[in-house]
């Protein structure tokens, strides 16, 4: 069996190592293509490489397994088998936990966390929920920004501060926030009513940049592959 990885994602390289160690595997698959997470940012090339997506799909044969994240439709039209990790709930939950742990580690090791802080979390999906579970036991004040009114009401009953995803004018209200973490790949730039230069901003979502002001914004997508390569590779495996 041959295994080919694209890009520099360490989790996929670790996954490939585990697959090679597990061989021989009783299967009719003779070739595995491991694509980055997410697989593409522009819809035309493989992320972290200049390889056209068309070149990858054209090379797929019936004995090929292609593994990626948010794979474009042409991958599902090939003769080979496809595993899209964006559709695997176990992977998504595990990946969110590793992402949240990595973000907390950065906050703690850089000394950017104290009880006087109020951390804003944009989005309350899997990563947002995992972050909240880690931060609350530390006594950190948190405000969750979400466009879902039912979620805001539910969090409010638990005593957790919330904010709307944005105001009617399209400007976000980050008053009182000292650090901001974006977990949502929003379709629009995030415009703040206050300058972001006096905020510590971390962007965990892929497909950025999401902020209109980039000074001081740290782009940190793919934390599992960078900080927990063995665990994340095992999760893919």
Foldseek 3Di string as FASTA:
>chain_A
DEEEEDADQLLQVLLVVVVVVPPPDPDLADYEYEAEVAQDLPQFAGPRDRHGPVVVQVPDDLNYEYEHAPDDPSNVVGNYHYDHVPPPVLLVLLVLLLLLVLVVVVCVVVVVDDLLAEEEEEDDDNNNVNNVVVPVVVNHQYEYEEQDPVVCVVVVVVVHHYHYNDDPVQERECPRHAEYEYPDPDPAAHHHPDDCQRHQYEYQYPNDDRHPDDVNYHYHHSSCSVPVSNSSSVSSD
